Amino acid sequence: MKKFLVLYHSPVSAREQMANATPEQAKAGMDAWMAWAGRAGSSIVDMGAPVGDPIIVGNGKASAGHIGGYGVVQASSERDAKKLFEGHPHLMMPGASIELLELLSMPGM
């Protein structure tokens, strides 16, 4: 089984999304996420959480757009991991995307 880091990209920060959502919108959003989690089931290793603004260490710069949150899932292949996110509620937001990064074994560890 392979594990994948999930990065939720969006045109606005998670902090801004949460600050501007009405209680009804927040509940509807959480209900949609929990419905997805129910479908994904044991493929979810870590549901993750929203993240704040980046703190840059070194001379690089932040990625374009916003990383609104993260998670970790497991699947037998990249194709199966991608299928887990078909119809995901995050993708209902205009300009949103989901990035999957396979977690590789560290050589010698």
PDB file of N, CA and C in Angstrom:
ATOM      1  N   MET A   1       0.860  -1.181   0.000  1.00  0.00           N
ATOM      2  CA  MET A   1       0.000   0.000   0.000  1.00  0.00           C
ATOM      3  C   MET A   1       0.900   1.236   0.000  1.00  0.00           C
ATOM      4  N   LYS A   2       0.593   2.196  -0.851  1.00  0.00           N
ATOM      5  CA  LYS A   2       1.356   3.443  -0.927  1.00  0.00           C
ATOM      6  C   LYS A   2       0.630   4.520  -0.133  1.00  0.00           C
ATOM      7  N   LYS A   3       1.381   5.439   0.442  1.00  0.00           N
ATOM      8  CA  LYS A   3       0.800   6.580   1.146  1.00  0.00           C
ATOM      9  C   LYS A   3       1.058   7.840   0.338  1.00  0.00           C
ATOM     10  N   PHE A   4       0.099   8.761   0.391  1.00  0.00           N
ATOM     11  CA  PHE A   4       0.179  10.006  -0.358  1.00  0.00           C
ATOM     12  C   PHE A   4      -0.138  11.190   0.543  1.00  0.00           C
ATOM     13  N   LEU A   5       0.708  12.206   0.469  1.00  0.00           N
ATOM     14  CA  LEU A   5       0.419  13.476   1.110  1.00  0.00           C
ATOM     15  C   LEU A   5      -0.571  14.205   0.213  1.00  0.00           C
ATOM     16  N   VAL A   6      -1.613  14.743   0.798  1.00  0.00           N
ATOM     17  CA  VAL A   6      -2.645  15.463   0.063  1.00  0.00           C
ATOM     18  C   VAL A   6      -2.508  16.942   0.389  1.00  0.00           C
ATOM     19  N   LEU A   7      -2.380  17.780  -0.635  1.00  0.00           N
ATOM     20  CA  LEU A   7      -2.345  19.226  -0.443  1.00  0.00           C
ATOM     21  C   LEU A   7      -3.554  19.830  -1.147  1.00  0.00           C
ATOM     22  N   TYR A   8      -4.328  20.584  -0.388  1.00  0.00           N
ATOM     23  CA  TYR A   8      -5.523  21.224  -0.921  1.00  0.00           C
ATOM     24  C   TYR A   8      -5.174  22.663  -1.301  1.00  0.00           C
ATOM     25  N   HIS A   9      -5.165  22.946  -2.603  1.00  0.00           N
ATOM     26  CA  HIS A   9      -4.841  24.284  -3.107  1.00  0.00           C
ATOM     27  C   HIS A   9      -6.137  25.057  -3.364  1.00  0.00           C
ATOM     28  N   SER A  10      -6.094  26.361  -3.087  1.00  0.00           N
ATOM     29  CA  SER A  10      -7.269  27.196  -3.339  1.00  0.00           C
ATOM     30  C   SER A  10      -6.838  28.625  -3.635  1.00  0.00           C
ATOM     31  N   PRO A  11      -7.715  29.402  -4.247  1.00  0.00           N
ATOM     32  CA  PRO A  11      -7.374  30.778  -4.573  1.00  0.00           C
ATOM     33  C   PRO A  11      -7.346  31.712  -3.350  1.00  0.00           C
ATOM     34  N   VAL A  12      -7.941  31.282  -2.238  1.00  0.00           N
ATOM     35  CA  VAL A  12      -7.921  32.083  -1.004  1.00  0.00           C
ATOM     36  C   VAL A  12      -7.444  31.203   0.146  1.00  0.00           C
ATOM     37  N   SER A  13      -6.898  31.825   1.176  1.00  0.00           N
ATOM     38  CA  SER A  13      -6.360  31.068   2.304  1.00  0.00           C
ATOM     39  C   SER A  13      -7.479  30.397   3.109  1.00  0.00           C
ATOM     40  N   ALA A  14      -7.108  29.332   3.805  1.00  0.00           N
ATOM     41  CA  ALA A  14      -8.065  28.644   4.677  1.00  0.00           C
ATOM     42  C   ALA A  14      -8.566  29.591   5.760  1.00  0.00           C
ATOM     43  N   ARG A  15      -7.665  30.416   6.284  1.00  0.00           N
ATOM     44  CA  ARG A  15      -8.046  31.379   7.324  1.00  0.00           C
ATOM     45  C   ARG A  15      -9.144  32.316   6.800  1.00  0.00           C
ATOM     46  N   GLU A  16      -8.975  32.806   5.573  1.00  0.00           N
ATOM     47  CA  GLU A  16      -9.964  33.705   4.969  1.00  0.00           C
ATOM     48  C   GLU A  16     -11.275  32.967   4.702  1.00  0.00           C
ATOM     49  N   GLN A  17     -11.189  31.740   4.210  1.00  0.00           N
ATOM     50  CA  GLN A  17     -12.397  30.954   3.946  1.00  0.00           C
ATOM     51  C   GLN A  17     -13.199  30.766   5.224  1.00  0.00           C
ATOM     52  N   MET A  18     -12.513  30.390   6.309  1.00  0.00           N
ATOM     53  CA  MET A  18     -13.216  30.137   7.573  1.00  0.00           C
ATOM     54  C   MET A  18     -13.782  31.423   8.167  1.00  0.00           C
ATOM     55  N   ALA A  19     -13.051  32.531   8.021  1.00  0.00           N
ATOM     56  CA  ALA A  19     -13.506  33.803   8.578  1.00  0.00           C
ATOM     57  C   ALA A  19     -14.740  34.333   7.854  1.00  0.00           C
ATOM     58  N   ASN A  20     -14.861  34.030   6.563  1.00  0.00           N
ATOM     59  CA  ASN A  20     -15.952  34.582   5.757  1.00  0.00           C
ATOM     60  C   ASN A  20     -17.153  33.658   5.614  1.00  0.00           C
ATOM     61  N   ALA A  21     -17.078  32.454   6.141  1.00  0.00           N
ATOM     62  CA  ALA A  21     -18.187  31.512   6.020  1.00  0.00           C
ATOM     63  C   ALA A  21     -19.220  31.760   7.119  1.00  0.00           C
ATOM     64  N   THR A  22     -20.479  31.699   6.727  1.00  0.00           N
ATOM     65  CA  THR A  22     -21.549  31.768   7.728  1.00  0.00           C
ATOM     66  C   THR A  22     -21.575  30.426   8.466  1.00  0.00           C
ATOM     67  N   PRO A  23     -22.197  30.378   9.633  1.00  0.00           N
ATOM     68  CA  PRO A  23     -22.308  29.087  10.326  1.00  0.00           C
ATOM     69  C   PRO A  23     -22.980  28.017   9.453  1.00  0.00           C
ATOM     70  N   GLU A  24     -23.963  28.425   8.670  1.00  0.00           N
ATOM     71  CA  GLU A  24     -24.656  27.476   7.794  1.00  0.00           C
ATOM     72  C   GLU A  24     -23.723  26.963   6.703  1.00  0.00           C
ATOM     73  N   GLN A  25     -22.917  27.857   6.121  1.00  0.00           N
ATOM     74  CA  GLN A  25     -21.957  27.454   5.093  1.00  0.00           C
ATOM     75  C   GLN A  25     -20.890  26.534   5.690  1.00  0.00           C
ATOM     76  N   ALA A  26     -20.424  26.863   6.883  1.00  0.00           N
ATOM     77  CA  ALA A  26     -19.414  26.039   7.547  1.00  0.00           C
ATOM     78  C   ALA A  26     -19.960  24.633   7.816  1.00  0.00           C
ATOM     79  N   LYS A  27     -21.201  24.543   8.281  1.00  0.00           N
ATOM     80  CA  LYS A  27     -21.813  23.237   8.553  1.00  0.00           C
ATOM     81  C   LYS A  27     -21.996  22.450   7.266  1.00  0.00           C
ATOM     82  N   ALA A  28     -22.490  23.106   6.213  1.00  0.00           N
ATOM     83  CA  ALA A  28     -22.684  22.422   4.929  1.00  0.00           C
ATOM     84  C   ALA A  28     -21.351  21.912   4.387  1.00  0.00           C
ATOM     85  N   GLY A  29     -20.309  22.736   4.514  1.00  0.00           N
ATOM     86  CA  GLY A  29     -18.977  22.318   4.066  1.00  0.00           C
ATOM     87  C   GLY A  29     -18.470  21.122   4.853  1.00  0.00           C
ATOM     88  N   MET A  30     -18.627  21.155   6.161  1.00  0.00           N
ATOM     89  CA  MET A  30     -18.173  20.047   6.998  1.00  0.00           C
ATOM     90  C   MET A  30     -18.977  18.780   6.714  1.00  0.00           C
ATOM     91  N   ASP A  31     -20.280  18.932   6.486  1.00  0.00           N
ATOM     92  CA  ASP A  31     -21.114  17.775   6.147  1.00  0.00           C
ATOM     93  C   ASP A  31     -20.631  17.119   4.847  1.00  0.00           C
ATOM     94  N   ALA A  32     -20.285  17.944   3.856  1.00  0.00           N
ATOM     95  CA  ALA A  32     -19.795  17.417   2.574  1.00  0.00           C
ATOM     96  C   ALA A  32     -18.464  16.695   2.758  1.00  0.00           C
ATOM     97  N   TRP A  33     -17.565  17.270   3.571  1.00  0.00           N
ATOM     98  CA  TRP A  33     -16.278  16.627   3.834  1.00  0.00           C
ATOM     99  C   TRP A  33     -16.474  15.298   4.566  1.00  0.00           C
ATOM    100  N   MET A  34     -17.372  15.252   5.528  1.00  0.00           N
ATOM    101  CA  MET A  34     -17.596  14.027   6.289  1.00  0.00           C
ATOM    102  C   MET A  34     -18.232  12.954   5.401  1.00  0.00           C
ATOM    103  N   ALA A  35     -19.082  13.364   4.459  1.00  0.00           N
ATOM    104  CA  ALA A  35     -19.656  12.408   3.510  1.00  0.00           C
ATOM    105  C   ALA A  35     -18.543  11.818   2.642  1.00  0.00           C
ATOM    106  N   TRP A  36     -17.620  12.668   2.184  1.00  0.00           N
ATOM    107  CA  TRP A  36     -16.476  12.174   1.410  1.00  0.00           C
ATOM    108  C   TRP A  36     -15.643  11.222   2.268  1.00  0.00           C
ATOM    109  N   ALA A  37     -15.375  11.585   3.511  1.00  0.00           N
ATOM    110  CA  ALA A  37     -14.576  10.743   4.401  1.00  0.00           C
ATOM    111  C   ALA A  37     -15.245   9.378   4.593  1.00  0.00           C
ATOM    112  N   GLY A  38     -16.552   9.370   4.664  1.00  0.00           N
ATOM    113  CA  GLY A  38     -17.272   8.103   4.782  1.00  0.00           C
ATOM    114  C   GLY A  38     -17.067   7.228   3.558  1.00  0.00           C
ATOM    115  N   ARG A  39     -17.060   7.841   2.370  1.00  0.00           N
ATOM    116  CA  ARG A  39     -16.828   7.080   1.139  1.00  0.00           C
ATOM    117  C   ARG A  39     -15.380   6.591   1.060  1.00  0.00           C
ATOM    118  N   ALA A  40     -14.435   7.423   1.487  1.00  0.00           N
ATOM    119  CA  ALA A  40     -13.015   7.070   1.405  1.00  0.00           C
ATOM    120  C   ALA A  40     -12.641   6.023   2.450  1.00  0.00           C
ATOM    121  N   GLY A  41     -13.331   6.023   3.582  1.00  0.00           N
ATOM    122  CA  GLY A  41     -13.159   5.006   4.609  1.00  0.00           C
ATOM    123  C   GLY A  41     -11.731   4.825   5.092  1.00  0.00           C
ATOM    124  N   SER A  42     -11.274   3.577   5.084  1.00  0.00           N
ATOM    125  CA  SER A  42      -9.961   3.248   5.643  1.00  0.00           C
ATOM    126  C   SER A  42      -8.796   3.718   4.774  1.00  0.00           C
ATOM    127  N   SER A  43      -9.091   4.301   3.620  1.00  0.00           N
ATOM    128  CA  SER A  43      -8.022   4.887   2.794  1.00  0.00           C
ATOM    129  C   SER A  43      -7.458   6.146   3.442  1.00  0.00           C
ATOM    130  N   ILE A  44      -8.205   6.738   4.350  1.00  0.00           N
ATOM    131  CA  ILE A  44      -7.726   7.937   5.036  1.00  0.00           C
ATOM    132  C   ILE A  44      -6.810   7.520   6.179  1.00  0.00           C
ATOM    133  N   VAL A  45      -5.563   7.961   6.107  1.00  0.00           N
ATOM    134  CA  VAL A  45      -4.586   7.698   7.161  1.00  0.00           C
ATOM    135  C   VAL A  45      -4.647   8.829   8.181  1.00  0.00           C
ATOM    136  N   ASP A  46      -4.727  10.057   7.689  1.00  0.00           N
ATOM    137  CA  ASP A  46      -4.808  11.269   8.524  1.00  0.00           C
ATOM    138  C   ASP A  46      -5.704  12.241   7.785  1.00  0.00           C
ATOM    139  N   MET A  47      -6.855  12.563   8.370  1.00  0.00           N
ATOM    140  CA  MET A  47      -7.798  13.480   7.733  1.00  0.00           C
ATOM    141  C   MET A  47      -7.155  14.847   7.503  1.00  0.00           C
ATOM    142  N   GLY A  48      -6.143  15.188   8.311  1.00  0.00           N
ATOM    143  CA  GLY A  48      -5.450  16.455   8.141  1.00  0.00           C
ATOM    144  C   GLY A  48      -6.178  17.603   8.805  1.00  0.00           C
ATOM    145  N   ALA A  49      -5.877  18.810   8.335  1.00  0.00           N
ATOM    146  CA  ALA A  49      -6.443  20.018   8.925  1.00  0.00           C
ATOM    147  C   ALA A  49      -6.172  21.194   8.002  1.00  0.00           C
ATOM    148  N   PRO A  50      -6.890  22.291   8.210  1.00  0.00           N
ATOM    149  CA  PRO A  50      -6.539  23.519   7.493  1.00  0.00           C
ATOM    150  C   PRO A  50      -5.161  23.993   7.963  1.00  0.00           C
ATOM    151  N   VAL A  51      -4.485  24.762   7.135  1.00  0.00           N
ATOM    152  CA  VAL A  51      -3.173  25.303   7.507  1.00  0.00           C
ATOM    153  C   VAL A  51      -3.171  26.816   7.362  1.00  0.00           C
ATOM    154  N   GLY A  52      -2.295  27.461   8.139  1.00  0.00           N
ATOM    155  CA  GLY A  52      -2.150  28.910   8.089  1.00  0.00           C
ATOM    156  C   GLY A  52      -1.240  29.344   6.950  1.00  0.00           C
ATOM    157  N   ASP A  53      -0.871  30.601   6.979  1.00  0.00           N
ATOM    158  CA  ASP A  53      -0.004  31.163   5.947  1.00  0.00           C
ATOM    159  C   ASP A  53       1.403  30.590   6.071  1.00  0.00           C
ATOM    160  N   PRO A  54       2.102  30.458   4.939  1.00  0.00           N
ATOM    161  CA  PRO A  54       3.438  29.855   4.983  1.00  0.00           C
ATOM    162  C   PRO A  54       4.471  30.731   5.684  1.00  0.00           C
ATOM    163  N   ILE A  55       5.411  30.071   6.312  1.00  0.00           N
ATOM    164  CA  ILE A  55       6.589  30.711   6.888  1.00  0.00           C
ATOM    165  C   ILE A  55       7.759  30.191   6.065  1.00  0.00           C
ATOM    166  N   ILE A  56       8.440  31.059   5.371  1.00  0.00           N
ATOM    167  CA  ILE A  56       9.494  30.651   4.455  1.00  0.00           C
ATOM    168  C   ILE A  56      10.837  30.582   5.185  1.00  0.00           C
ATOM    169  N   VAL A  57      11.518  29.471   5.046  1.00  0.00           N
ATOM    170  CA  VAL A  57      12.843  29.273   5.607  1.00  0.00           C
ATOM    171  C   VAL A  57      13.793  29.139   4.425  1.00  0.00           C
ATOM    172  N   GLY A  58      14.841  29.918   4.385  1.00  0.00           N
ATOM    173  CA  GLY A  58      15.770  29.877   3.259  1.00  0.00           C
ATOM    174  C   GLY A  58      15.465  30.970   2.266  1.00  0.00           C
ATOM    175  N   ASN A  59      15.977  30.804   1.055  1.00  0.00           N
ATOM    176  CA  ASN A  59      15.863  31.851   0.043  1.00  0.00           C
ATOM    177  C   ASN A  59      14.745  31.624  -0.956  1.00  0.00           C
ATOM    178  N   GLY A  60      13.987  30.558  -0.806  1.00  0.00           N
ATOM    179  CA  GLY A  60      12.894  30.272  -1.731  1.00  0.00           C
ATOM    180  C   GLY A  60      11.697  31.166  -1.465  1.00  0.00           C
ATOM    181  N   LYS A  61      10.637  30.902  -2.185  1.00  0.00           N
ATOM    182  CA  LYS A  61       9.406  31.658  -1.953  1.00  0.00           C
ATOM    183  C   LYS A  61       8.226  30.700  -1.901  1.00  0.00           C
ATOM    184  N   ALA A  62       7.125  31.180  -1.395  1.00  0.00           N
ATOM    185  CA  ALA A  62       5.933  30.352  -1.251  1.00  0.00           C
ATOM    186  C   ALA A  62       5.417  29.938  -2.619  1.00  0.00           C
ATOM    187  N   SER A  63       4.733  28.795  -2.653  1.00  0.00           N
ATOM    188  CA  SER A  63       4.133  28.342  -3.901  1.00  0.00           C
ATOM    189  C   SER A  63       3.009  29.296  -4.302  1.00  0.00           C
ATOM    190  N   ALA A  64       2.677  29.292  -5.572  1.00  0.00           N
ATOM    191  CA  ALA A  64       1.599  30.144  -6.078  1.00  0.00           C
ATOM    192  C   ALA A  64       0.273  29.706  -5.461  1.00  0.00           C
ATOM    193  N   GLY A  65      -0.617  30.644  -5.245  1.00  0.00           N
ATOM    194  CA  GLY A  65      -1.905  30.323  -4.647  1.00  0.00           C
ATOM    195  C   GLY A  65      -1.749  30.026  -3.173  1.00  0.00           C
ATOM    196  N   HIS A  66      -2.681  29.297  -2.633  1.00  0.00           N
ATOM    197  CA  HIS A  66      -2.674  28.977  -1.206  1.00  0.00           C
ATOM    198  C   HIS A  66      -2.780  27.472  -1.022  1.00  0.00           C
ATOM    199  N   ILE A  67      -2.034  26.952  -0.077  1.00  0.00           N
ATOM    200  CA  ILE A  67      -2.276  25.596   0.387  1.00  0.00           C
ATOM    201  C   ILE A  67      -3.206  25.760   1.574  1.00  0.00           C
ATOM    202  N   GLY A  68      -4.434  25.292   1.408  1.00  0.00           N
ATOM    203  CA  GLY A  68      -5.442  25.492   2.431  1.00  0.00           C
ATOM    204  C   GLY A  68      -5.471  24.409   3.484  1.00  0.00           C
ATOM    205  N   GLY A  69      -4.877  23.257   3.178  1.00  0.00           N
ATOM    206  CA  GLY A  69      -4.898  22.172   4.133  1.00  0.00           C
ATOM    207  C   GLY A  69      -4.125  20.982   3.608  1.00  0.00           C
ATOM    208  N   TYR A  70      -4.055  19.953   4.445  1.00  0.00           N
ATOM    209  CA  TYR A  70      -3.324  18.745   4.090  1.00  0.00           C
ATOM    210  C   TYR A  70      -4.075  17.527   4.606  1.00  0.00           C
ATOM    211  N   GLY A  71      -3.648  16.370   4.156  1.00  0.00           N
ATOM    212  CA  GLY A  71      -4.134  15.097   4.655  1.00  0.00           C
ATOM    213  C   GLY A  71      -3.173  14.015   4.201  1.00  0.00           C
ATOM    214  N   VAL A  72      -3.435  12.781   4.594  1.00  0.00           N
ATOM    215  CA  VAL A  72      -2.653  11.641   4.135  1.00  0.00           C
ATOM    216  C   VAL A  72      -3.642  10.516   3.838  1.00  0.00           C
ATOM    217  N   VAL A  73      -3.496   9.927   2.649  1.00  0.00           N
ATOM    218  CA  VAL A  73      -4.323   8.788   2.265  1.00  0.00           C
ATOM    219  C   VAL A  73      -3.419   7.636   1.845  1.00  0.00           C
ATOM    220  N   GLN A  74      -4.007   6.450   1.758  1.00  0.00           N
ATOM    221  CA  GLN A  74      -3.274   5.299   1.253  1.00  0.00           C
ATOM    222  C   GLN A  74      -4.088   4.649   0.139  1.00  0.00           C
ATOM    223  N   ALA A  75      -3.369   4.121  -0.836  1.00  0.00           N
ATOM    224  CA  ALA A  75      -3.998   3.442  -1.967  1.00  0.00           C
ATOM    225  C   ALA A  75      -2.967   2.516  -2.595  1.00  0.00           C
ATOM    226  N   SER A  76      -3.437   1.564  -3.373  1.00  0.00           N
ATOM    227  CA  SER A  76      -2.516   0.609  -3.984  1.00  0.00           C
ATOM    228  C   SER A  76      -1.755   1.188  -5.170  1.00  0.00           C
ATOM    229  N   SER A  77      -2.258   2.294  -5.743  1.00  0.00           N
ATOM    230  CA  SER A  77      -1.590   2.895  -6.898  1.00  0.00           C
ATOM    231  C   SER A  77      -1.923   4.384  -6.974  1.00  0.00           C
ATOM    232  N   GLU A  78      -1.190   5.094  -7.810  1.00  0.00           N
ATOM    233  CA  GLU A  78      -1.489   6.509  -8.037  1.00  0.00           C
ATOM    234  C   GLU A  78      -2.895   6.669  -8.606  1.00  0.00           C
ATOM    235  N   ARG A  79      -3.249   5.774  -9.528  1.00  0.00           N
ATOM    236  CA  ARG A  79      -4.581   5.837 -10.135  1.00  0.00           C
ATOM    237  C   ARG A  79      -5.666   5.686  -9.079  1.00  0.00           C
ATOM    238  N   ASP A  80      -5.488   4.717  -8.164  1.00  0.00           N
ATOM    239  CA  ASP A  80      -6.482   4.509  -7.109  1.00  0.00           C
ATOM    240  C   ASP A  80      -6.531   5.689  -6.146  1.00  0.00           C
ATOM    241  N   ALA A  81      -5.380   6.288  -5.873  1.00  0.00           N
ATOM    242  CA  ALA A  81      -5.347   7.463  -5.000  1.00  0.00           C
ATOM    243  C   ALA A  81      -6.124   8.609  -5.651  1.00  0.00           C
ATOM    244  N   LYS A  82      -5.899   8.806  -6.926  1.00  0.00           N
ATOM    245  CA  LYS A  82      -6.597   9.882  -7.650  1.00  0.00           C
ATOM    246  C   LYS A  82      -8.113   9.642  -7.653  1.00  0.00           C
ATOM    247  N   LYS A  83      -8.529   8.387  -7.809  1.00  0.00           N
ATOM    248  CA  LYS A  83      -9.959   8.053  -7.829  1.00  0.00           C
ATOM    249  C   LYS A  83     -10.645   8.391  -6.505  1.00  0.00           C
ATOM    250  N   LEU A  84      -9.887   8.323  -5.396  1.00  0.00           N
ATOM    251  CA  LEU A  84     -10.467   8.658  -4.094  1.00  0.00           C
ATOM    252  C   LEU A  84     -11.036  10.079  -4.073  1.00  0.00           C
ATOM    253  N   PHE A  85     -10.476  10.953  -4.900  1.00  0.00           N
ATOM    254  CA  PHE A  85     -10.830  12.372  -4.853  1.00  0.00           C
ATOM    255  C   PHE A  85     -11.824  12.799  -5.930  1.00  0.00           C
ATOM    256  N   GLU A  86     -12.346  11.837  -6.679  1.00  0.00           N
ATOM    257  CA  GLU A  86     -13.396  12.168  -7.649  1.00  0.00           C
ATOM    258  C   GLU A  86     -14.618  12.652  -6.874  1.00  0.00           C
ATOM    259  N   GLY A  87     -15.126  13.817  -7.230  1.00  0.00           N
ATOM    260  CA  GLY A  87     -16.289  14.379  -6.548  1.00  0.00           C
ATOM    261  C   GLY A  87     -16.002  14.938  -5.170  1.00  0.00           C
ATOM    262  N   HIS A  88     -14.725  15.156  -4.846  1.00  0.00           N
ATOM    263  CA  HIS A  88     -14.368  15.701  -3.531  1.00  0.00           C
ATOM    264  C   HIS A  88     -14.943  17.114  -3.378  1.00  0.00           C
ATOM    265  N   PRO A  89     -15.488  17.468  -2.206  1.00  0.00           N
ATOM    266  CA  PRO A  89     -16.106  18.784  -2.022  1.00  0.00           C
ATOM    267  C   PRO A  89     -15.136  19.951  -2.205  1.00  0.00           C
ATOM    268  N   HIS A  90     -13.840  19.753  -1.970  1.00  0.00           N
ATOM    269  CA  HIS A  90     -12.882  20.852  -2.165  1.00  0.00           C
ATOM    270  C   HIS A  90     -12.891  21.341  -3.609  1.00  0.00           C
ATOM    271  N   LEU A  91     -13.148  20.427  -4.542  1.00  0.00           N
ATOM    272  CA  LEU A  91     -13.108  20.770  -5.965  1.00  0.00           C
ATOM    273  C   LEU A  91     -14.323  21.568  -6.421  1.00  0.00           C
ATOM    274  N   MET A  92     -15.297  21.763  -5.535  1.00  0.00           N
ATOM    275  CA  MET A  92     -16.465  22.580  -5.876  1.00  0.00           C
ATOM    276  C   MET A  92     -16.126  24.062  -5.856  1.00  0.00           C
ATOM    277  N   MET A  93     -15.023  24.436  -5.202  1.00  0.00           N
ATOM    278  CA  MET A  93     -14.606  25.832  -5.137  1.00  0.00           C
ATOM    279  C   MET A  93     -13.917  26.203  -6.448  1.00  0.00           C
ATOM    280  N   PRO A  94     -14.352  27.290  -7.103  1.00  0.00           N
ATOM    281  CA  PRO A  94     -13.689  27.698  -8.343  1.00  0.00           C
ATOM    282  C   PRO A  94     -12.190  27.930  -8.122  1.00  0.00           C
ATOM    283  N   GLY A  95     -11.380  27.382  -9.003  1.00  0.00           N
ATOM    284  CA  GLY A  95      -9.934  27.558  -8.925  1.00  0.00           C
ATOM    285  C   GLY A  95      -9.226  26.630  -7.964  1.00  0.00           C
ATOM    286  N   ALA A  96      -9.954  25.724  -7.314  1.00  0.00           N
ATOM    287  CA  ALA A  96      -9.349  24.811  -6.340  1.00  0.00           C
ATOM    288  C   ALA A  96      -8.773  23.584  -7.038  1.00  0.00           C
ATOM    289  N   SER A  97      -7.750  23.002  -6.428  1.00  0.00           N
ATOM    290  CA  SER A  97      -7.182  21.750  -6.924  1.00  0.00           C
ATOM    291  C   SER A  97      -6.656  20.946  -5.743  1.00  0.00           C
ATOM    292  N   ILE A  98      -6.388  19.687  -6.003  1.00  0.00           N
ATOM    293  CA  ILE A  98      -5.846  18.782  -5.002  1.00  0.00           C
ATOM    294  C   ILE A  98      -4.579  18.174  -5.577  1.00  0.00           C
ATOM    295  N   GLU A  99      -3.506  18.243  -4.807  1.00  0.00           N
ATOM    296  CA  GLU A  99      -2.220  17.697  -5.228  1.00  0.00           C
ATOM    297  C   GLU A  99      -1.905  16.473  -4.364  1.00  0.00           C
ATOM    298  N   LEU A 100      -1.538  15.373  -5.016  1.00  0.00           N
ATOM    299  CA  LEU A 100      -1.165  14.149  -4.320  1.00  0.00           C
ATOM    300  C   LEU A 100       0.323  13.903  -4.527  1.00  0.00           C
ATOM    301  N   LEU A 101       1.042  13.669  -3.440  1.00  0.00           N
ATOM    302  CA  LEU A 101       2.478  13.410  -3.490  1.00  0.00           C
ATOM    303  C   LEU A 101       2.749  12.094  -2.779  1.00  0.00           C
ATOM    304  N   GLU A 102       3.290  11.111  -3.512  1.00  0.00           N
ATOM    305  CA  GLU A 102       3.592   9.832  -2.889  1.00  0.00           C
ATOM    306  C   GLU A 102       4.689  10.014  -1.847  1.00  0.00           C
ATOM    307  N   LEU A 103       4.483   9.439  -0.668  1.00  0.00           N
ATOM    308  CA  LEU A 103       5.491   9.457   0.382  1.00  0.00           C
ATOM    309  C   LEU A 103       6.447   8.296   0.131  1.00  0.00           C
ATOM    310  N   LEU A 104       7.701   8.618  -0.171  1.00  0.00           N
ATOM    311  CA  LEU A 104       8.709   7.616  -0.508  1.00  0.00           C
ATOM    312  C   LEU A 104       9.481   7.194   0.724  1.00  0.00           C
ATOM    313  N   SER A 105       9.973   5.987   0.696  1.00  0.00           N
ATOM    314  CA  SER A 105      10.803   5.495   1.796  1.00  0.00           C
ATOM    315  C   SER A 105      12.152   6.211   1.771  1.00  0.00           C
ATOM    316  N   MET A 106      12.653   6.516   2.952  1.00  0.00           N
ATOM    317  CA  MET A 106      13.948   7.159   3.084  1.00  0.00           C
ATOM    318  C   MET A 106      15.022   6.087   2.977  1.00  0.00           C
ATOM    319  N   PRO A 107      15.961   6.222   2.016  1.00  0.00           N
ATOM    320  CA  PRO A 107      17.003   5.204   1.881  1.00  0.00           C
ATOM    321  C   PRO A 107      17.787   5.031   3.188  1.00  0.00           C
ATOM    322  N   GLY A 108      18.003   3.789   3.570  1.00  0.00           N
ATOM    323  CA  GLY A 108      18.780   3.510   4.766  1.00  0.00           C
ATOM    324  C   GLY A 108      18.031   3.658   6.069  1.00  0.00           C
ATOM    325  N   MET A 109      16.748   3.893   6.022  1.00  0.00           N
ATOM    326  CA  MET A 109      15.988   4.065   7.263  1.00  0.00           C
ATOM    327  C   MET A 109      14.904   3.017   7.366  1.00  0.00           C
TER     328      MET A 109
END
